[in-house]
């Protein structure tokens, strides 16, 4: 083959490789394809199959009816199907850590099947995991997702099956908050490494990541349990005392995220605005206290230029967080706290750009 032909072949291979960004969150696993035009979101759950009647449901989409069969022949419900139909379901992450590498790989493979447009498609993926995840687990996840693989998936609603062959050329695994950091830097046109702290308030934990001179600082990074679920638990306890009913925290999460001021319980409406405001402020205070403690481990010459607030809780806790961060002198004014345009998807969007940049380097 001539040099010119080889160059064309390399260029073609690079153009044919798809960059995917993944945010392995406590509540949702989010995937973003090239240019952010294709987005996949599934609940971060893997469950055991629960065979039975199909019913007359109108939703026969692949994304909401994913069944994955492993090489060993074992079947798993993934995402929304696991949430609705599995009696035994397992979260991919909790308490700021991955729960099971095997389940994480199963969920990611099933979700990736929605991006494959041709047999033996090539991918470079960048994925974020909870900040407290050990380095060994990150390495194992990377190696477990790299290489040629065959994915067998089925649509539980329609009964349709398909076998997908793909090749993952590279799998980059980083702390989840780094995606938002990269997204903010690229959106602002910044090319240098900016000393920053990223506070990612998720459904089940708050991850805190500190970047100093371009390095991810382990001693100044960590996670706390306080999150949207903590807020839902406090509100549920309050409502249980008022109503005498048993209300589970997860039943309130959606209402909290959309900003509802009241909820309906047993046909009666209850105002939760005062309780929500009180606990939002209390939880925000705990998170900022942890941020202050972590920042205290940085060298004296560190100068935090960016405080980035991201994740599903950015809207819920944002106003209080900005005020308390100012009171703790972490920022001079609330306006200095940066919130991504789409805080829920910011991590995955940043990781997609990291994967794309890796392809260009090659």
Protein backbone atom coordinates (compact mmCIF):
# COMPACT_ATOMS: atom_id res chain seq x y z
CA UNK A 1 0.00 0.00 0.00
CA UNK A 2 1.33 3.46 -0.91
CA UNK A 3 1.92 6.18 1.69
CA UNK A 4 -0.99 8.12 0.20
CA UNK A 5 -3.31 5.09 0.48
CA UNK A 6 -2.20 4.46 4.06
CA UNK A 7 -2.91 8.09 4.96
CA UNK A 8 -6.38 7.82 3.44
CA UNK A 9 -7.01 4.57 5.33
CA UNK A 10 -5.95 6.14 8.65
CA UNK A 11 -8.11 9.19 7.99
CA UNK A 12 -11.08 6.99 7.18
CA UNK A 13 -10.56 4.91 10.34
CA UNK A 14 -10.47 8.07 12.45
CA UNK A 15 -13.60 9.48 10.80
CA UNK A 16 -15.42 6.17 11.34
CA UNK A 17 -14.66 6.09 15.08
CA UNK A 18 -17.48 7.38 17.25
CA UNK A 19 -16.76 9.30 20.48
CA UNK A 20 -19.15 8.57 23.36
CA UNK A 21 -19.27 10.31 26.74
CA UNK A 22 -20.76 8.43 29.71
CA UNK A 23 -21.81 9.59 33.17
CA UNK A 24 -22.33 6.59 35.45
CA UNK A 25 -24.59 8.36 37.94
CA UNK A 26 -26.37 7.14 41.06
CA UNK A 27 -29.81 7.80 39.59
CA UNK A 28 -29.26 7.85 35.82
CA UNK A 29 -26.58 6.61 33.45
CA UNK A 30 -26.25 9.18 30.67
CA UNK A 31 -24.56 8.73 27.29
CA UNK A 32 -23.84 11.46 24.73
CA UNK A 33 -22.83 10.81 21.13
CA UNK A 34 -20.94 12.99 18.63
CA UNK A 35 -21.82 16.71 18.76
CA UNK A 36 -24.31 15.96 21.53
CA UNK A 37 -26.94 15.11 18.92
CA UNK A 38 -27.74 11.67 20.30
CA UNK A 39 -28.45 11.25 24.00
CA UNK A 40 -29.37 8.09 25.92
CA UNK A 41 -30.54 8.14 29.54
CA UNK A 42 -31.38 5.00 31.52
CA UNK A 43 -31.94 4.40 35.23
CA UNK A 44 -28.68 3.15 36.83
CA UNK A 45 -30.13 -0.27 37.57
CA UNK A 46 -29.53 -3.87 36.54
CA UNK A 47 -32.11 -6.47 37.56
CA UNK A 48 -32.92 -10.15 37.33
CA UNK A 49 -35.40 -11.17 34.62
CA UNK A 50 -39.05 -11.51 35.51
CA UNK A 51 -40.55 -13.45 32.59
CA UNK A 52 -44.25 -13.18 32.02
CA UNK A 53 -46.97 -11.70 29.88
CA UNK A 54 -46.13 -8.77 27.66
CA UNK A 55 -49.37 -6.84 28.17
CA UNK A 56 -50.63 -4.22 25.73
CA UNK A 57 -48.16 -1.46 26.51
CA UNK A 58 -47.59 1.03 23.71
CA UNK A 59 -43.95 1.71 24.60
CA UNK A 60 -41.93 -0.80 22.61
CA UNK A 61 -38.79 1.34 22.40
CA UNK A 62 -35.48 -0.46 22.75
CA UNK A 63 -34.16 1.95 25.38
CA UNK A 64 -37.02 1.20 27.81
CA UNK A 65 -37.16 -2.57 27.20
CA UNK A 66 -33.50 -3.66 27.26
CA UNK A 67 -32.62 -7.28 28.02
CA UNK A 68 -28.93 -8.22 27.76
CA UNK A 69 -27.63 -11.78 27.52
CA UNK A 70 -24.02 -12.31 28.61
CA UNK A 71 -21.52 -14.65 26.95
CA UNK A 72 -22.33 -17.16 29.70
CA UNK A 73 -25.99 -17.10 28.66
CA UNK A 74 -27.33 -15.23 31.72
CA UNK A 75 -30.02 -12.63 31.07
CA UNK A 76 -30.38 -9.23 32.77
CA UNK A 77 -32.99 -6.50 32.66
CA UNK A 78 -31.32 -3.10 32.27
CA UNK A 79 -32.41 0.46 33.03
CA UNK A 80 -36.11 1.29 32.89
CA UNK A 81 -37.10 -2.36 32.39
CA UNK A 82 -35.21 -3.32 35.56
CA UNK A 83 -36.82 -0.42 37.47
CA UNK A 84 -40.34 -1.44 36.50
CA UNK A 85 -40.21 -5.23 36.18
CA UNK A 86 -37.36 -6.72 38.23
CA UNK A 87 -38.18 -8.00 41.71
CA UNK A 88 -34.44 -8.03 42.47
CA UNK A 89 -32.72 -4.88 41.19
CA UNK A 90 -29.23 -3.58 41.88
CA UNK A 91 -28.02 0.04 41.65
CA UNK A 92 -24.81 0.65 39.71
CA UNK A 93 -23.57 3.21 42.24
CA UNK A 94 -24.33 4.23 45.81
CA UNK A 95 -22.66 6.17 48.62
CA UNK A 96 -20.25 7.80 46.18
CA UNK A 97 -18.89 4.46 44.87
CA UNK A 98 -19.58 1.90 42.15
CA UNK A 99 -21.47 -1.06 43.59
CA UNK A 100 -20.51 -3.70 41.02
CA UNK A 101 -18.08 -3.51 38.09
CA UNK A 102 -19.86 -6.40 36.38
CA UNK A 103 -23.24 -4.65 36.56
CA UNK A 104 -21.70 -1.37 35.34
CA UNK A 105 -20.24 -3.11 32.28
CA UNK A 106 -23.59 -4.83 31.56
CA UNK A 107 -25.49 -1.52 31.72
CA UNK A 108 -22.97 0.35 29.56
CA UNK A 109 -22.91 -2.41 26.93
CA UNK A 110 -26.71 -2.45 26.76
CA UNK A 111 -26.88 1.35 26.45
CA UNK A 112 -24.11 1.38 23.79
CA UNK A 113 -26.25 -0.91 21.62
CA UNK A 114 -28.42 2.15 20.91
CA UNK A 115 -25.49 3.92 19.22
CA UNK A 116 -24.38 1.13 16.87
CA UNK A 117 -25.30 1.80 13.25
CA UNK A 118 -23.14 -0.82 11.54
CA UNK A 119 -21.46 -4.11 12.38
CA UNK A 120 -18.01 -3.78 13.97
CA UNK A 121 -18.41 -0.06 14.62
CA UNK A 122 -15.42 1.57 16.33
CA UNK A 123 -15.75 3.56 19.55
CA UNK A 124 -13.63 5.65 21.88
CA UNK A 125 -15.46 6.18 25.14
CA UNK A 126 -14.77 8.36 28.15
CA UNK A 127 -16.72 7.60 31.29
CA UNK A 128 -17.05 9.13 34.72
CA UNK A 129 -17.35 7.16 37.94
CA UNK A 130 -18.03 8.36 41.52
CA UNK A 131 -15.10 10.27 43.04
CA UNK A 132 -14.62 7.77 45.88
CA UNK A 133 -14.08 4.88 43.43
CA UNK A 134 -10.61 3.28 43.94
CA UNK A 135 -8.06 3.57 41.14
CA UNK A 136 -7.99 -0.24 40.76
CA UNK A 137 -11.72 -0.30 40.01
CA UNK A 138 -11.32 2.44 37.42
CA UNK A 139 -8.54 0.45 35.72
CA UNK A 140 -10.62 -2.75 35.80
CA UNK A 141 -13.63 -0.96 34.30
CA UNK A 142 -11.45 0.47 31.53
CA UNK A 143 -9.96 -2.93 30.62
CA UNK A 144 -13.39 -4.61 30.89
CA UNK A 145 -14.87 -2.28 28.28
CA UNK A 146 -11.93 -2.24 25.87
CA UNK A 147 -11.60 -4.46 22.79
CA UNK A 148 -13.84 -6.37 20.41
CA UNK A 149 -17.14 -7.53 21.89
CA UNK A 150 -20.42 -9.10 20.85
CA UNK A 151 -23.52 -7.72 22.56
CA UNK A 152 -26.72 -9.76 22.53
CA UNK A 153 -29.76 -7.64 23.36
CA UNK A 154 -33.49 -8.18 23.13
CA UNK A 155 -36.57 -5.99 23.32
CA UNK A 156 -38.75 -7.40 26.11
CA UNK A 157 -41.89 -5.69 24.78
CA UNK A 158 -41.62 -6.70 21.12
CA UNK A 159 -39.59 -9.90 21.43
CA UNK A 160 -37.13 -8.64 18.81
CA UNK A 161 -33.51 -9.75 19.23
CA UNK A 162 -30.27 -8.47 17.76
CA UNK A 163 -26.59 -9.31 17.94
CA UNK A 164 -24.20 -6.36 17.79
CA UNK A 165 -20.47 -6.53 17.14
CA UNK A 166 -18.38 -3.51 18.06
CA UNK A 167 -14.85 -2.53 18.95
CA UNK A 168 -13.87 -0.11 21.70
CA UNK A 169 -10.43 1.20 20.78
CA UNK A 170 -9.96 3.14 23.99
CA UNK A 171 -11.84 3.52 27.27
CA UNK A 172 -10.91 6.49 29.44
CA UNK A 173 -12.19 6.35 33.03
CA UNK A 174 -12.11 9.47 35.22
CA UNK A 175 -13.81 10.90 38.32
CA UNK A 176 -17.33 11.90 37.28
CA UNK A 177 -17.03 15.63 38.06
CA UNK A 178 -14.14 16.05 35.62
CA UNK A 179 -16.67 15.97 32.77
CA UNK A 180 -18.32 19.20 33.96
CA UNK A 181 -14.90 20.80 34.53
CA UNK A 182 -13.88 20.03 30.93
CA UNK A 183 -17.26 21.13 29.56
CA UNK A 184 -17.07 24.50 31.33
CA UNK A 185 -13.49 25.12 30.16
CA UNK A 186 -14.32 24.31 26.53
CA UNK A 187 -17.54 26.36 26.61
CA UNK A 188 -15.57 29.39 27.87
CA UNK A 189 -12.79 28.91 25.31
CA UNK A 190 -10.20 28.37 28.06
CA UNK A 191 -7.15 26.29 27.00
CA UNK A 192 -5.11 26.43 30.21
CA UNK A 193 -5.69 24.31 33.31
CA UNK A 194 -7.66 26.46 35.75
CA UNK A 195 -7.59 25.73 39.49
CA UNK A 196 -11.18 24.71 40.19
CA UNK A 197 -13.47 22.85 42.52
CA UNK A 198 -16.48 20.97 41.12
CA UNK A 199 -19.46 20.17 43.35
CA UNK A 200 -21.69 17.53 41.76
CA UNK A 201 -24.94 17.11 43.70
CA UNK A 202 -26.53 13.88 42.55
CA UNK A 203 -29.46 11.73 43.57
CA UNK A 204 -27.56 9.54 46.04
CA UNK A 205 -24.37 11.43 46.91
CA UNK A 206 -22.49 14.69 46.37
CA UNK A 207 -19.11 14.33 44.66
CA UNK A 208 -16.46 17.01 45.16
CA UNK A 209 -13.44 17.21 42.83
CA UNK A 210 -10.55 19.67 43.11
CA UNK A 211 -8.24 20.45 40.19
CA UNK A 212 -4.92 22.15 41.00
CA UNK A 213 -2.39 23.00 38.27
CA UNK A 214 -4.19 20.56 35.98
CA UNK A 215 -3.90 17.71 38.51
CA UNK A 216 -6.82 15.94 40.13
CA UNK A 217 -6.13 16.34 43.86
CA UNK A 218 -7.11 13.18 45.76
CA UNK A 219 -6.62 14.73 49.21
CA UNK A 220 -8.86 17.67 48.29
CA UNK A 221 -11.58 15.54 46.67
CA UNK A 222 -14.24 13.30 48.17
CA UNK A 223 -17.95 12.69 48.57
CA UNK A 224 -20.69 13.11 51.17
CA UNK A 225 -23.98 11.25 51.56
CA UNK A 226 -26.00 14.47 51.59
CA UNK A 227 -27.89 14.69 48.29
CA UNK A 228 -31.36 14.84 46.74
CA UNK A 229 -32.18 11.52 48.42
CA UNK A 230 -31.25 12.99 51.81
CA UNK A 231 -33.63 15.88 51.17
CA UNK A 232 -36.39 13.47 50.07
CA UNK A 233 -35.86 11.40 53.23
CA UNK A 234 -36.20 14.43 55.52
CA UNK A 235 -39.37 15.60 53.76
CA UNK A 236 -40.82 12.05 53.83
CA UNK A 237 -40.24 11.78 57.59
CA UNK A 238 -42.02 15.10 58.09
CA UNK A 239 -44.99 14.04 55.94
CA UNK A 240 -45.21 10.65 57.66
CA UNK A 241 -45.63 12.45 60.99
CA UNK A 242 -48.30 14.76 59.53
CA UNK A 243 -50.31 12.12 57.69
CA UNK A 244 -49.72 8.88 59.55
CA UNK A 245 -49.00 7.31 56.15
CA UNK A 246 -45.81 5.53 55.08
CA UNK A 247 -44.17 7.58 52.35
CA UNK A 248 -40.87 6.37 50.87
CA UNK A 249 -38.22 8.95 49.97
CA UNK A 250 -37.78 7.85 46.34
CA UNK A 251 -41.46 8.65 45.71
CA UNK A 252 -40.67 12.33 46.34
CA UNK A 253 -37.49 12.71 44.26
CA UNK A 254 -39.25 13.60 41.00
CA UNK A 255 -41.47 16.18 42.75
CA UNK A 256 -38.37 17.77 44.32
CA UNK A 257 -36.44 17.88 41.04
CA UNK A 258 -39.28 19.63 39.17
CA UNK A 259 -39.75 22.10 42.05
CA UNK A 260 -43.26 21.20 43.20
CA UNK A 261 -44.43 23.04 46.30
CA UNK A 262 -47.06 20.50 47.29
CA UNK A 263 -47.73 16.76 46.96
CA UNK A 264 -50.84 14.59 46.95
CA UNK A 265 -51.08 11.84 49.59
CA UNK A 266 -54.16 9.61 49.91
CA UNK A 267 -56.26 12.18 48.04
CA UNK A 268 -55.14 15.14 50.18
CA UNK A 269 -52.75 17.92 49.22
CA UNK A 270 -49.84 18.82 51.50
CA UNK A 271 -47.62 21.88 51.23
CA UNK A 272 -43.92 20.93 51.40
CA UNK A 273 -42.42 24.33 50.54
CA UNK A 274 -41.46 25.36 54.10
CA UNK A 275 -40.00 21.92 54.95
CA UNK A 276 -38.11 21.84 51.63
CA UNK A 277 -36.60 25.30 52.15
CA UNK A 278 -35.45 24.43 55.67
CA UNK A 279 -33.73 21.16 54.73
CA UNK A 280 -32.26 22.50 51.48
CA UNK A 281 -30.44 25.12 53.53
CA UNK A 282 -29.32 22.57 56.16
CA UNK A 283 -27.99 20.11 53.57
CA UNK A 284 -26.27 22.87 51.56
CA UNK A 285 -24.51 23.97 54.76
CA UNK A 286 -23.20 20.42 55.36
CA UNK A 287 -21.91 20.15 51.78
CA UNK A 288 -20.10 23.50 51.95
CA UNK A 289 -18.53 22.55 55.30
CA UNK A 290 -17.04 19.50 53.59
CA UNK A 291 -15.85 21.65 50.67
CA UNK A 292 -14.09 23.99 53.13
CA UNK A 293 -12.39 21.05 54.86
CA UNK A 294 -11.15 19.60 51.56
CA UNK A 295 -9.85 22.96 50.34
CA UNK A 296 -7.86 23.24 53.56
CA UNK A 297 -5.57 20.44 52.29
CA UNK A 298 -4.43 22.43 49.23
CA UNK A 299 -0.99 24.13 49.07
CA UNK A 300 -1.01 27.82 50.14
CA UNK A 301 -0.30 28.97 46.57
CA UNK A 302 -3.49 27.36 45.21
CA UNK A 303 -5.97 29.92 43.90
CA UNK A 304 -9.42 28.55 43.09
CA UNK A 305 -10.65 30.47 40.06
CA UNK A 306 -13.73 28.39 39.27
CA UNK A 307 -16.33 26.92 41.59
CA UNK A 308 -18.58 24.76 39.41
CA UNK A 309 -21.95 23.52 40.66
CA UNK A 310 -23.35 20.66 38.60
CA UNK A 311 -25.56 17.55 38.74
CA UNK A 312 -29.29 17.01 39.17
CA UNK A 313 -29.26 18.90 42.48
CA UNK A 314 -27.74 22.08 41.02
CA UNK A 315 -31.18 23.62 40.50
CA UNK A 316 -32.60 22.42 43.83
CA UNK A 317 -29.67 23.56 46.00
CA UNK A 318 -28.15 26.21 43.72
CA UNK A 319 -29.37 29.44 45.34
CA UNK A 320 -28.53 28.29 48.88
CA UNK A 321 -25.16 26.85 47.82
CA UNK A 322 -24.13 30.13 46.19
CA UNK A 323 -25.03 32.10 49.31
CA UNK A 324 -23.27 29.74 51.72
CA UNK A 325 -20.15 29.47 49.51
CA UNK A 326 -19.95 33.28 49.66
CA UNK A 327 -20.40 33.32 53.45
CA UNK A 328 -17.51 30.82 53.75
CA UNK A 329 -15.32 33.11 51.57
CA UNK A 330 -14.85 30.37 48.98
CA UNK A 331 -16.16 32.88 46.42
CA UNK A 332 -16.44 36.67 46.72
CA UNK A 333 -19.97 36.88 45.29
CA UNK A 334 -22.68 34.31 44.44
CA UNK A 335 -22.28 35.18 40.74
CA UNK A 336 -18.81 33.60 40.76
CA UNK A 337 -20.34 30.12 41.13
CA UNK A 338 -20.59 28.64 37.63
CA UNK A 339 -23.53 26.37 36.72
CA UNK A 340 -23.40 24.54 33.34
CA UNK A 341 -26.18 25.25 30.86
CA UNK A 342 -27.40 21.67 31.34
CA UNK A 343 -26.11 20.53 34.77
CA UNK A 344 -27.73 17.08 34.46
CA UNK A 345 -25.92 16.25 31.20
CA UNK A 346 -22.76 18.36 31.68
CA UNK A 347 -20.54 15.47 32.82
CA UNK A 348 -21.48 13.24 29.88
CA UNK A 349 -21.11 16.16 27.44
CA UNK A 350 -17.63 16.94 28.77
CA UNK A 351 -16.57 13.30 28.54
CA UNK A 352 -17.79 13.13 24.93
CA UNK A 353 -15.49 16.05 24.11
CA UNK A 354 -12.60 14.29 25.89
CA UNK A 355 -13.21 11.13 23.82
CA UNK A 356 -13.39 13.22 20.63
CA UNK A 357 -10.12 14.97 21.49
CA UNK A 358 -8.47 11.57 22.02
CA UNK A 359 -9.52 10.47 18.52
CA UNK A 360 -8.07 13.66 17.00
CA UNK A 361 -4.75 13.11 18.77
CA UNK A 362 -4.46 9.65 17.23
